[in-house]
Amino acid sequence: MDDHTHDQNLLDWLVSRMHWRSMAQGRRLAPVCSVCTWMDISGFRAKLDSANWDLGTAQARGLIDILSDAYEIAAKPIPLGFPPTPLERLLVLNDGIARVLDLPDGFQGEPFLAALYLREILTKHFRLIQHLELKGLGLRTVLAGGHRIQYTPERTTGKELLPTAPSGPVSEQGRQFVLEEFLYHPAPFQMNTAFSRAYLIERSNIERNSVYFDESFVHLLSQAIPGCVQVEGDSLKGQIHIQRSGISLIHFTYQPRQQLEQKLPTHVYRITSFVVHQAFDGDEVEFPLCG
């Protein structure tokens, strides 16, 4: 790497940092509507405790295989379109899986895509919980809405950490250092309040082996696609319909709608089942989500 190349890389990095800092300080960052699904394996920590937090012991007892299987079942992206359409992004955090999607563009204003997305998420929950129960574990899934703001670049690599250009030829080790990623802060998860809400709700006093829709998620979906969400019932029980032109594509039965106080003051719907309607898939199929 010659002096000119290094100076240019350093200049580009400084300009990028100054750009993001200027935008953040000038309050010109635009919030983006976002929804988040957070899945957390219940009981995994207890099994780590029993293994004395030794990963060799944990692996011998099959805990790493459980995480691998959970990833294969529930951490595959759900394709809804092609760039520049906003696409779903996933983040795996040990025994938790977070998935975020920008709205309204992520559903392209189409109720069918919203129904498809929710069917896929809850089907993943349905499949994963069956697998985990055989292992003495459980699963909690929370969907929440909010906003996100990207306030910093997503990556810091080795070339941005070099204060001066190297003198003389650059070794293979040096070239590898320049390309190495030291920080990865994915834009879809930067200051994402939907992610924060879903995480905090899951940490609240909610039941194991359950799916919850936060009121923020229902409200944001209603705003993203006006007329596609219909809530029927009261605080004890009811249904949430995703519909097109007044015809239900899929609905979710809740029982009950409850208020949370411990971690985050909000109301959540505990989803006990969902039904895929004929208008969506040519047949009607019901999936129970609670034992």
Protein backbone atom coordinates (compact mmCIF):
# COMPACT_ATOMS: atom_id res chain seq x y z
CA MET A 1 0.00 0.00 0.00
CA ASP A 2 1.59 3.31 -1.08
CA ASP A 3 1.34 6.63 0.78
CA HIS A 4 -1.22 8.04 -1.62
CA THR A 5 -3.54 5.02 -1.23
CA HIS A 6 -3.30 5.08 2.54
CA ASP A 7 -3.87 8.84 2.72
CA GLN A 8 -6.91 8.52 0.50
CA ASN A 9 -8.32 5.66 2.62
CA LEU A 10 -7.77 7.70 5.78
CA LEU A 11 -9.38 10.77 4.20
CA ASP A 12 -12.39 8.75 3.04
CA TRP A 13 -12.83 7.34 6.55
CA LEU A 14 -12.56 10.76 8.21
CA VAL A 15 -15.05 12.29 5.78
CA SER A 16 -17.46 9.41 6.44
CA ARG A 17 -17.17 9.81 10.22
CA MET A 18 -17.56 13.58 10.01
CA HIS A 19 -20.63 13.12 7.80
CA TRP A 20 -22.37 10.81 10.26
CA ARG A 21 -21.37 12.93 13.27
CA SER A 22 -22.57 16.11 11.56
CA MET A 23 -25.89 14.50 10.67
CA ALA A 24 -26.40 13.20 14.20
CA GLN A 25 -25.50 16.52 15.84
CA GLY A 26 -27.58 18.47 13.34
CA ARG A 27 -30.64 16.30 14.08
CA ARG A 28 -31.17 15.57 10.40
CA LEU A 29 -31.35 11.80 10.71
CA ALA A 30 -34.64 10.43 9.41
CA PRO A 31 -36.42 7.82 11.56
CA VAL A 32 -37.53 4.73 9.64
CA CYS A 33 -40.57 2.67 10.70
CA SER A 34 -39.52 -0.86 11.61
CA VAL A 35 -41.01 -4.08 12.97
CA CYS A 36 -39.03 -6.65 14.92
CA THR A 37 -39.55 -10.29 15.83
CA TRP A 38 -37.57 -11.57 18.80
CA MET A 39 -37.43 -15.32 19.48
CA ASP A 40 -35.77 -16.56 22.66
CA ILE A 41 -35.18 -20.15 23.72
CA SER A 42 -36.59 -20.59 27.23
CA GLY A 43 -34.59 -22.66 29.69
CA PHE A 44 -31.31 -22.53 27.80
CA ARG A 45 -29.55 -20.60 30.56
CA ALA A 46 -30.51 -23.26 33.13
CA LYS A 47 -28.85 -25.87 30.96
CA LEU A 48 -25.74 -23.68 30.70
CA ASP A 49 -25.77 -23.34 34.49
CA SER A 50 -25.89 -27.11 34.83
CA ALA A 51 -22.84 -27.30 32.55
CA ASN A 52 -21.09 -24.69 34.73
CA TRP A 53 -20.98 -22.40 31.66
CA ASP A 54 -18.31 -24.65 30.16
CA LEU A 55 -18.90 -24.83 26.41
CA GLY A 56 -17.02 -28.10 26.10
CA THR A 57 -19.41 -29.69 28.58
CA ALA A 58 -22.36 -27.91 26.95
CA GLN A 59 -21.38 -29.28 23.56
CA ALA A 60 -21.02 -32.79 24.93
CA ARG A 61 -24.56 -32.50 26.27
CA GLY A 62 -25.91 -31.44 22.89
CA LEU A 63 -26.55 -27.76 23.61
CA ILE A 64 -24.60 -26.51 20.59
CA ASP A 65 -26.54 -28.93 18.39
CA ILE A 66 -29.76 -27.44 19.76
CA LEU A 67 -28.63 -23.93 18.71
CA SER A 68 -27.62 -25.20 15.29
CA ASP A 69 -30.99 -26.87 14.79
CA ALA A 70 -32.81 -23.72 15.98
CA TYR A 71 -30.86 -21.68 13.46
CA GLU A 72 -31.80 -24.05 10.63
CA ILE A 73 -35.47 -24.01 11.58
CA ALA A 74 -36.08 -20.38 12.51
CA ALA A 75 -33.22 -18.16 11.31
CA LYS A 76 -33.63 -18.34 7.56
CA PRO A 77 -34.64 -15.05 5.85
CA ILE A 78 -38.14 -14.59 4.46
CA PRO A 79 -37.78 -13.14 0.93
CA LEU A 80 -40.47 -10.60 0.10
CA GLY A 81 -38.88 -8.82 -2.85
CA PHE A 82 -35.66 -7.62 -4.43
CA PRO A 83 -33.53 -4.51 -3.88
CA PRO A 84 -34.17 -1.62 -3.66
CA THR A 85 -37.21 -2.96 -1.78
CA PRO A 86 -36.28 -3.09 1.93
CA LEU A 87 -35.48 -6.68 2.85
CA GLU A 88 -35.62 -8.48 6.17
CA ARG A 89 -32.41 -8.58 8.20
CA LEU A 90 -31.59 -11.14 10.92
CA LEU A 91 -29.26 -11.10 13.92
CA VAL A 92 -28.52 -14.26 15.93
CA LEU A 93 -27.52 -13.59 19.55
CA ASN A 94 -26.60 -16.87 21.26
CA ASP A 95 -30.01 -18.43 22.05
CA GLY A 96 -32.04 -15.56 20.57
CA ILE A 97 -33.01 -14.64 17.00
CA ALA A 98 -33.95 -11.09 16.00
CA ARG A 99 -35.43 -10.21 12.63
CA VAL A 100 -36.31 -6.68 11.50
CA LEU A 101 -38.10 -5.25 8.48
CA ASP A 102 -38.70 -1.66 7.40
CA LEU A 103 -42.28 -0.55 6.80
CA PRO A 104 -44.28 0.37 4.83
CA ASP A 105 -42.00 -0.39 1.87
CA GLY A 106 -41.12 -3.87 3.14
CA PHE A 107 -44.67 -5.05 2.43
CA GLN A 108 -44.99 -2.81 -0.65
CA GLY A 109 -48.47 -1.80 0.51
CA GLU A 110 -49.73 -5.33 -0.17
CA PRO A 111 -51.78 -7.14 2.54
CA PHE A 112 -50.90 -10.48 0.93
CA LEU A 113 -47.19 -9.91 1.69
CA ALA A 114 -48.01 -8.98 5.28
CA ALA A 115 -50.06 -12.17 5.67
CA LEU A 116 -47.29 -14.23 4.05
CA TYR A 117 -44.63 -12.77 6.32
CA LEU A 118 -46.61 -13.37 9.50
CA ARG A 119 -47.57 -16.88 8.43
CA GLU A 120 -43.89 -17.71 7.87
CA ILE A 121 -42.79 -16.30 11.23
CA LEU A 122 -45.47 -18.11 13.21
CA THR A 123 -44.87 -21.32 11.26
CA LYS A 124 -41.21 -21.12 12.27
CA HIS A 125 -42.32 -20.68 15.89
CA PHE A 126 -44.69 -23.64 15.53
CA ARG A 127 -41.94 -25.89 14.11
CA LEU A 128 -39.22 -24.78 16.50
CA ILE A 129 -41.29 -25.18 19.65
CA GLN A 130 -42.05 -28.79 18.75
CA HIS A 131 -38.31 -29.45 18.43
CA LEU A 132 -37.38 -27.63 21.64
CA GLU A 133 -39.99 -29.32 23.80
CA LEU A 134 -38.36 -32.67 23.01
CA LYS A 135 -35.17 -31.22 24.52
CA GLY A 136 -36.86 -29.94 27.67
CA LEU A 137 -36.80 -26.33 26.43
CA GLY A 138 -39.37 -23.75 25.37
CA LEU A 139 -39.75 -20.69 23.18
CA ARG A 140 -41.11 -17.16 23.47
CA THR A 141 -41.75 -15.02 20.38
CA VAL A 142 -42.59 -11.31 20.47
CA LEU A 143 -43.47 -8.98 17.59
CA ALA A 144 -43.17 -5.23 18.17
CA GLY A 145 -43.13 -2.02 16.15
CA GLY A 146 -41.07 1.14 16.39
CA HIS A 147 -38.47 3.19 14.55
CA ARG A 148 -34.79 2.99 13.78
CA ILE A 149 -32.13 5.59 13.05
CA GLN A 150 -28.74 4.87 11.50
CA TYR A 151 -26.31 7.25 13.20
CA THR A 152 -22.93 5.72 12.39
CA PRO A 153 -21.25 3.68 9.63
CA GLU A 154 -21.82 -0.05 9.80
CA ARG A 155 -18.19 -1.24 9.74
CA THR A 156 -14.71 -0.41 10.97
CA THR A 157 -11.88 -2.28 9.25
CA GLY A 158 -8.14 -2.47 9.77
CA LYS A 159 -7.38 0.21 7.19
CA GLU A 160 -9.24 2.75 9.33
CA LEU A 161 -7.13 1.90 12.40
CA LEU A 162 -3.75 2.61 10.80
CA PRO A 163 -2.53 6.06 11.92
CA THR A 164 0.10 6.33 9.19
CA ALA A 165 0.95 4.61 5.96
CA PRO A 166 3.36 1.68 6.34
CA SER A 167 6.88 2.25 5.02
CA GLY A 168 8.19 -0.25 2.52
CA PRO A 169 6.40 -3.30 1.14
CA VAL A 170 3.28 -4.51 2.93
CA SER A 171 3.36 -8.09 4.19
CA GLU A 172 0.56 -10.61 3.67
CA GLN A 173 -0.22 -10.24 7.37
CA GLY A 174 -0.53 -6.48 6.89
CA ARG A 175 -2.86 -6.91 3.95
CA GLN A 176 -5.05 -9.21 5.99
CA PHE A 177 -5.11 -6.68 8.84
CA VAL A 178 -6.30 -3.95 6.48
CA LEU A 179 -9.25 -6.10 5.39
CA GLU A 180 -10.16 -7.33 8.87
CA GLU A 181 -13.53 -6.21 10.28
CA PHE A 182 -13.26 -5.05 13.89
CA LEU A 183 -16.69 -3.51 14.32
CA TYR A 184 -19.98 -4.44 12.71
CA HIS A 185 -23.01 -2.34 13.63
CA PRO A 186 -25.72 -3.29 11.09
CA ALA A 187 -27.86 -0.33 10.09
CA PRO A 188 -31.23 -2.13 10.53
CA PHE A 189 -30.43 -2.63 14.24
CA GLN A 190 -28.97 0.81 15.00
CA MET A 191 -31.14 2.52 17.65
CA ASN A 192 -34.06 0.28 16.72
CA THR A 193 -36.88 0.78 19.22
CA ALA A 194 -38.88 -2.12 17.77
CA PHE A 195 -35.96 -4.41 18.62
CA SER A 196 -35.71 -2.88 22.11
CA ARG A 197 -39.44 -3.24 22.75
CA ALA A 198 -39.55 -6.87 21.63
CA TYR A 199 -36.55 -7.73 23.80
CA LEU A 200 -37.93 -5.99 26.90
CA ILE A 201 -41.37 -7.57 26.50
CA GLU A 202 -39.82 -11.03 26.21
CA ARG A 203 -37.96 -10.32 29.47
CA SER A 204 -41.21 -9.37 31.20
CA ASN A 205 -43.63 -11.65 32.96
CA ILE A 206 -44.99 -13.42 29.87
CA GLU A 207 -45.73 -17.09 29.50
CA ARG A 208 -43.38 -19.69 28.13
CA ASN A 209 -44.16 -21.32 24.77
CA SER A 210 -46.19 -18.32 23.62
CA VAL A 211 -46.39 -15.72 20.86
CA TYR A 212 -47.14 -12.09 21.67
CA PHE A 213 -48.08 -9.15 19.44
CA ASP A 214 -47.28 -5.83 21.07
CA GLU A 215 -49.84 -3.07 20.48
CA SER A 216 -47.06 -1.10 18.75
CA PHE A 217 -46.82 -3.82 16.09
CA VAL A 218 -50.57 -3.86 15.41
CA HIS A 219 -50.66 -0.06 15.24
CA LEU A 220 -47.67 0.21 12.91
CA LEU A 221 -49.04 -2.45 10.56
CA SER A 222 -52.38 -0.60 10.46
CA GLN A 223 -50.55 2.58 9.48
CA ALA A 224 -48.34 0.87 6.90
CA ILE A 225 -51.26 -0.69 5.02
CA PRO A 226 -54.44 1.24 5.81
CA GLY A 227 -57.48 -1.00 6.07
CA CYS A 228 -55.59 -4.31 6.23
CA VAL A 229 -55.87 -4.86 10.01
CA GLN A 230 -59.16 -5.60 11.74
CA VAL A 231 -59.22 -6.28 15.48
CA GLU A 232 -62.36 -7.98 16.82
CA GLY A 233 -63.11 -8.77 20.45
CA ASP A 234 -62.32 -7.33 23.86
CA SER A 235 -59.50 -7.46 26.39
CA LEU A 236 -60.24 -11.11 27.23
CA LYS A 237 -60.29 -12.66 23.78
CA GLY A 238 -60.66 -11.86 20.11
CA GLN A 239 -59.10 -12.01 16.68
CA ILE A 240 -56.70 -9.92 14.64
CA HIS A 241 -57.40 -10.19 10.89
CA ILE A 242 -55.12 -9.33 8.00
CA GLN A 243 -57.46 -8.64 5.11
CA ARG A 244 -57.54 -7.42 1.54
CA SER A 245 -60.58 -5.50 0.31
CA GLY A 246 -62.47 -6.65 3.42
CA ILE A 247 -61.73 -10.36 2.86
CA SER A 248 -59.67 -12.08 5.55
CA LEU A 249 -56.40 -13.67 4.41
CA ILE A 250 -55.20 -14.82 7.82
CA HIS A 251 -56.32 -14.22 11.39
CA PHE A 252 -54.74 -14.62 14.81
CA THR A 253 -56.71 -15.57 17.90
CA TYR A 254 -55.64 -13.85 21.11
CA GLN A 255 -56.49 -14.63 24.71
CA PRO A 256 -56.10 -12.31 26.51
CA ARG A 257 -54.96 -8.76 25.74
CA GLN A 258 -52.95 -7.89 28.82
CA GLN A 259 -51.12 -4.92 30.24
CA LEU A 260 -47.43 -5.14 31.08
CA GLU A 261 -45.86 -2.99 33.78
CA GLN A 262 -42.61 -4.65 34.81
CA LYS A 263 -40.27 -3.81 31.92
CA LEU A 264 -42.29 -1.66 29.53
CA PRO A 265 -45.75 -0.13 30.05
CA THR A 266 -47.73 -1.49 27.10
CA HIS A 267 -50.51 -3.86 26.10
CA VAL A 268 -49.77 -7.17 24.40
CA TYR A 269 -51.93 -9.79 22.67
CA ARG A 270 -51.11 -13.40 23.55
CA ILE A 271 -51.66 -15.27 20.27
CA THR A 272 -53.03 -18.76 20.86
CA SER A 273 -53.58 -19.85 17.24
CA PHE A 274 -53.72 -18.62 13.68
CA VAL A 275 -55.87 -19.58 10.71
CA VAL A 276 -54.81 -19.32 7.07
CA HIS A 277 -57.93 -18.61 5.00
CA GLN A 278 -58.97 -19.86 1.58
CA ALA A 279 -58.52 -16.39 0.08
CA PHE A 280 -54.84 -16.64 0.92
CA ASP A 281 -53.86 -20.19 0.04
CA GLY A 282 -56.88 -21.90 -1.51
CA ASP A 283 -57.51 -23.86 1.67
CA GLU A 284 -58.21 -23.18 5.33
CA VAL A 285 -55.69 -24.44 7.88
CA GLU A 286 -55.47 -23.77 11.62
CA PHE A 287 -52.22 -23.83 13.61
CA PRO A 288 -52.38 -24.03 17.42
CA LEU A 289 -49.60 -22.08 19.12
CA CYS A 290 -50.22 -22.97 22.77
CA GLY A 291 -50.49 -26.33 24.46
